[in-house]
Amino acid sequence: MLQVTRKDPKEGLENLIRRFNRKVQQSGVLAQARKVQYFEKPISKTERRQKAIIRKERKIEKLKKIRMGQK
């Protein structure tokens, strides 16, 4: 995915860089590049997903306890 950002006649360089960075972030190019930068075994992908689910559940339980007034 090639991101093309053209400079408007009265636009400053800072604004041009800011617009370019925003386009790149929204397109997901950097996220995809970081994701495929290193090879990861499929087993470790499933392990990572399972650990993320466990973290999410623990966070929900912790928030419930805080709302109930417990520590």
N, C-alpha and C. Protein backbone atom coordinates (compact mmCIF):
# COMPACT_ATOMS: atom_id res chain seq x y z
N MET A 1 0.84 -1.18 0.00
CA MET A 1 0.00 0.00 0.00
C MET A 1 0.89 1.24 0.00
N LEU A 2 0.80 1.98 -1.05
CA LEU A 2 1.60 3.19 -1.18
C LEU A 2 0.77 4.39 -0.76
N GLN A 3 1.30 5.17 0.16
CA GLN A 3 0.60 6.36 0.64
C GLN A 3 1.16 7.58 -0.08
N VAL A 4 0.29 8.28 -0.81
CA VAL A 4 0.71 9.48 -1.52
C VAL A 4 0.08 10.68 -0.82
N THR A 5 0.92 11.62 -0.42
CA THR A 5 0.45 12.84 0.22
C THR A 5 1.09 14.01 -0.50
N ARG A 6 0.26 14.83 -1.12
CA ARG A 6 0.78 15.98 -1.86
C ARG A 6 0.67 17.23 -1.01
N LYS A 7 1.65 18.10 -1.17
CA LYS A 7 1.70 19.33 -0.40
C LYS A 7 0.80 20.38 -1.04
N ASP A 8 -0.07 20.98 -0.23
CA ASP A 8 -0.88 22.09 -0.70
C ASP A 8 0.00 23.33 -0.80
N PRO A 9 -0.36 24.29 -1.65
CA PRO A 9 0.51 25.47 -1.83
C PRO A 9 0.80 26.25 -0.55
N LYS A 10 -0.17 26.40 0.32
CA LYS A 10 0.02 27.22 1.51
C LYS A 10 0.21 26.39 2.77
N GLU A 11 0.51 25.11 2.59
CA GLU A 11 0.61 24.21 3.74
C GLU A 11 2.05 24.15 4.25
N GLY A 12 2.19 24.15 5.56
CA GLY A 12 3.51 24.04 6.16
C GLY A 12 4.01 22.60 6.15
N LEU A 13 5.31 22.46 6.33
CA LEU A 13 5.91 21.13 6.32
C LEU A 13 5.43 20.28 7.49
N GLU A 14 5.24 20.91 8.66
CA GLU A 14 4.77 20.16 9.84
C GLU A 14 3.39 19.56 9.59
N ASN A 15 2.50 20.34 8.96
CA ASN A 15 1.16 19.83 8.67
C ASN A 15 1.20 18.70 7.67
N LEU A 16 2.08 18.82 6.68
CA LEU A 16 2.22 17.76 5.68
C LEU A 16 2.67 16.46 6.34
N ILE A 17 3.67 16.54 7.21
CA ILE A 17 4.17 15.36 7.91
C ILE A 17 3.08 14.78 8.81
N ARG A 18 2.35 15.63 9.49
CA ARG A 18 1.26 15.18 10.37
C ARG A 18 0.18 14.45 9.57
N ARG A 19 -0.19 15.00 8.40
CA ARG A 19 -1.20 14.35 7.55
C ARG A 19 -0.70 13.00 7.05
N PHE A 20 0.58 12.95 6.64
CA PHE A 20 1.15 11.70 6.15
C PHE A 20 1.16 10.65 7.25
N ASN A 21 1.60 11.03 8.45
CA ASN A 21 1.64 10.08 9.56
C ASN A 21 0.25 9.55 9.89
N ARG A 22 -0.75 10.43 9.85
CA ARG A 22 -2.13 10.02 10.14
C ARG A 22 -2.61 9.02 9.08
N LYS A 23 -2.31 9.28 7.80
CA LYS A 23 -2.72 8.36 6.74
C LYS A 23 -2.07 6.99 6.92
N VAL A 24 -0.80 6.98 7.25
CA VAL A 24 -0.07 5.71 7.42
C VAL A 24 -0.65 4.94 8.60
N GLN A 25 -0.94 5.65 9.71
CA GLN A 25 -1.52 4.99 10.89
C GLN A 25 -2.88 4.39 10.55
N GLN A 26 -3.72 5.14 9.86
CA GLN A 26 -5.07 4.67 9.56
C GLN A 26 -5.07 3.52 8.57
N SER A 27 -4.09 3.48 7.66
CA SER A 27 -4.05 2.41 6.68
C SER A 27 -3.57 1.09 7.28
N GLY A 28 -2.83 1.16 8.40
CA GLY A 28 -2.37 -0.06 9.05
C GLY A 28 -1.11 -0.64 8.46
N VAL A 29 -0.40 0.12 7.64
CA VAL A 29 0.81 -0.38 6.99
C VAL A 29 1.88 -0.72 8.02
N LEU A 30 2.12 0.17 8.97
CA LEU A 30 3.16 -0.08 9.97
C LEU A 30 2.81 -1.25 10.88
N ALA A 31 1.55 -1.33 11.26
CA ALA A 31 1.12 -2.44 12.12
C ALA A 31 1.35 -3.78 11.42
N GLN A 32 1.01 -3.84 10.14
CA GLN A 32 1.21 -5.08 9.37
C GLN A 32 2.70 -5.40 9.24
N ALA A 33 3.52 -4.38 9.00
CA ALA A 33 4.96 -4.61 8.85
C ALA A 33 5.56 -5.13 10.14
N ARG A 34 5.15 -4.56 11.27
CA ARG A 34 5.66 -5.04 12.56
C ARG A 34 5.19 -6.46 12.85
N LYS A 35 3.98 -6.77 12.42
CA LYS A 35 3.41 -8.08 12.67
C LYS A 35 4.17 -9.18 11.93
N VAL A 36 4.58 -8.92 10.70
CA VAL A 36 5.25 -9.94 9.90
C VAL A 36 6.77 -9.82 9.94
N GLN A 37 7.28 -8.95 10.80
CA GLN A 37 8.72 -8.72 10.88
C GLN A 37 9.46 -9.99 11.31
N TYR A 38 8.90 -10.71 12.25
CA TYR A 38 9.51 -11.94 12.75
C TYR A 38 8.54 -13.09 12.57
N PHE A 39 9.08 -14.26 12.24
CA PHE A 39 8.26 -15.44 12.09
C PHE A 39 7.80 -15.91 13.46
N GLU A 40 6.53 -16.26 13.54
CA GLU A 40 5.99 -16.78 14.79
C GLU A 40 5.26 -18.08 14.49
N LYS A 41 5.56 -19.09 15.28
CA LYS A 41 4.93 -20.38 15.06
C LYS A 41 3.42 -20.27 15.33
N PRO A 42 2.61 -21.06 14.62
CA PRO A 42 1.15 -21.01 14.84
C PRO A 42 0.76 -21.37 16.27
N ILE A 43 1.52 -22.27 16.90
CA ILE A 43 1.21 -22.66 18.27
C ILE A 43 1.35 -21.46 19.20
N SER A 44 2.40 -20.68 19.00
CA SER A 44 2.59 -19.53 19.87
C SER A 44 1.52 -18.48 19.63
N LYS A 45 0.97 -18.42 18.42
CA LYS A 45 -0.13 -17.49 18.16
C LYS A 45 -1.36 -17.86 18.98
N THR A 46 -1.67 -19.15 19.02
CA THR A 46 -2.83 -19.57 19.80
C THR A 46 -2.59 -19.37 21.29
N GLU A 47 -1.35 -19.64 21.72
CA GLU A 47 -1.02 -19.40 23.13
C GLU A 47 -1.19 -17.93 23.48
N ARG A 48 -0.73 -17.06 22.60
CA ARG A 48 -0.83 -15.62 22.84
C ARG A 48 -2.29 -15.19 22.93
N ARG A 49 -3.12 -15.75 22.06
CA ARG A 49 -4.55 -15.43 22.09
C ARG A 49 -5.20 -15.90 23.39
N GLN A 50 -4.85 -17.12 23.82
CA GLN A 50 -5.41 -17.65 25.06
C GLN A 50 -4.99 -16.81 26.25
N LYS A 51 -3.73 -16.39 26.28
CA LYS A 51 -3.25 -15.56 27.38
C LYS A 51 -3.95 -14.21 27.37
N ALA A 52 -4.23 -13.67 26.19
CA ALA A 52 -4.94 -12.40 26.10
C ALA A 52 -6.35 -12.53 26.64
N ILE A 53 -7.00 -13.65 26.36
CA ILE A 53 -8.35 -13.89 26.88
C ILE A 53 -8.32 -13.96 28.40
N ILE A 54 -7.34 -14.66 28.95
CA ILE A 54 -7.21 -14.78 30.40
C ILE A 54 -6.98 -13.41 31.03
N ARG A 55 -6.09 -12.60 30.43
CA ARG A 55 -5.83 -11.24 30.95
C ARG A 55 -7.10 -10.40 30.94
N LYS A 56 -7.86 -10.51 29.87
CA LYS A 56 -9.09 -9.74 29.75
C LYS A 56 -10.10 -10.15 30.84
N GLU A 57 -10.22 -11.45 31.06
CA GLU A 57 -11.14 -11.95 32.09
C GLU A 57 -10.70 -11.47 33.47
N ARG A 58 -9.41 -11.53 33.76
CA ARG A 58 -8.90 -11.07 35.06
C ARG A 58 -9.16 -9.59 35.25
N LYS A 59 -9.00 -8.81 34.21
CA LYS A 59 -9.24 -7.37 34.28
C LYS A 59 -10.71 -7.09 34.59
N ILE A 60 -11.60 -7.83 33.94
CA ILE A 60 -13.04 -7.66 34.18
C ILE A 60 -13.36 -8.00 35.63
N GLU A 61 -12.81 -9.11 36.14
CA GLU A 61 -13.04 -9.50 37.54
C GLU A 61 -12.52 -8.43 38.50
N LYS A 62 -11.35 -7.89 38.20
CA LYS A 62 -10.77 -6.86 39.06
C LYS A 62 -11.66 -5.62 39.09
N LEU A 63 -12.16 -5.21 37.93
CA LEU A 63 -13.05 -4.04 37.87
C LEU A 63 -14.35 -4.29 38.63
N LYS A 64 -14.87 -5.52 38.55
CA LYS A 64 -16.09 -5.86 39.28
C LYS A 64 -15.86 -5.73 40.78
N LYS A 65 -14.71 -6.23 41.25
CA LYS A 65 -14.40 -6.14 42.68
C LYS A 65 -14.26 -4.69 43.13
N ILE A 66 -13.63 -3.88 42.29
CA ILE A 66 -13.46 -2.46 42.65
C ILE A 66 -14.83 -1.79 42.73
N ARG A 67 -15.73 -2.11 41.82
CA ARG A 67 -17.06 -1.51 41.83
C ARG A 67 -17.87 -1.95 43.06
N MET A 68 -17.59 -3.19 43.52
CA MET A 68 -18.31 -3.71 44.69
C MET A 68 -17.71 -3.18 45.97
N GLY A 69 -16.58 -2.51 45.91
CA GLY A 69 -15.97 -1.94 47.09
C GLY A 69 -14.94 -2.86 47.74
N GLN A 70 -14.59 -3.93 47.06
CA GLN A 70 -13.59 -4.83 47.58
C GLN A 70 -12.24 -4.46 46.99
N LYS A 71 -11.19 -5.02 47.56
CA LYS A 71 -9.86 -4.76 47.00
C LYS A 71 -9.44 -5.83 46.06
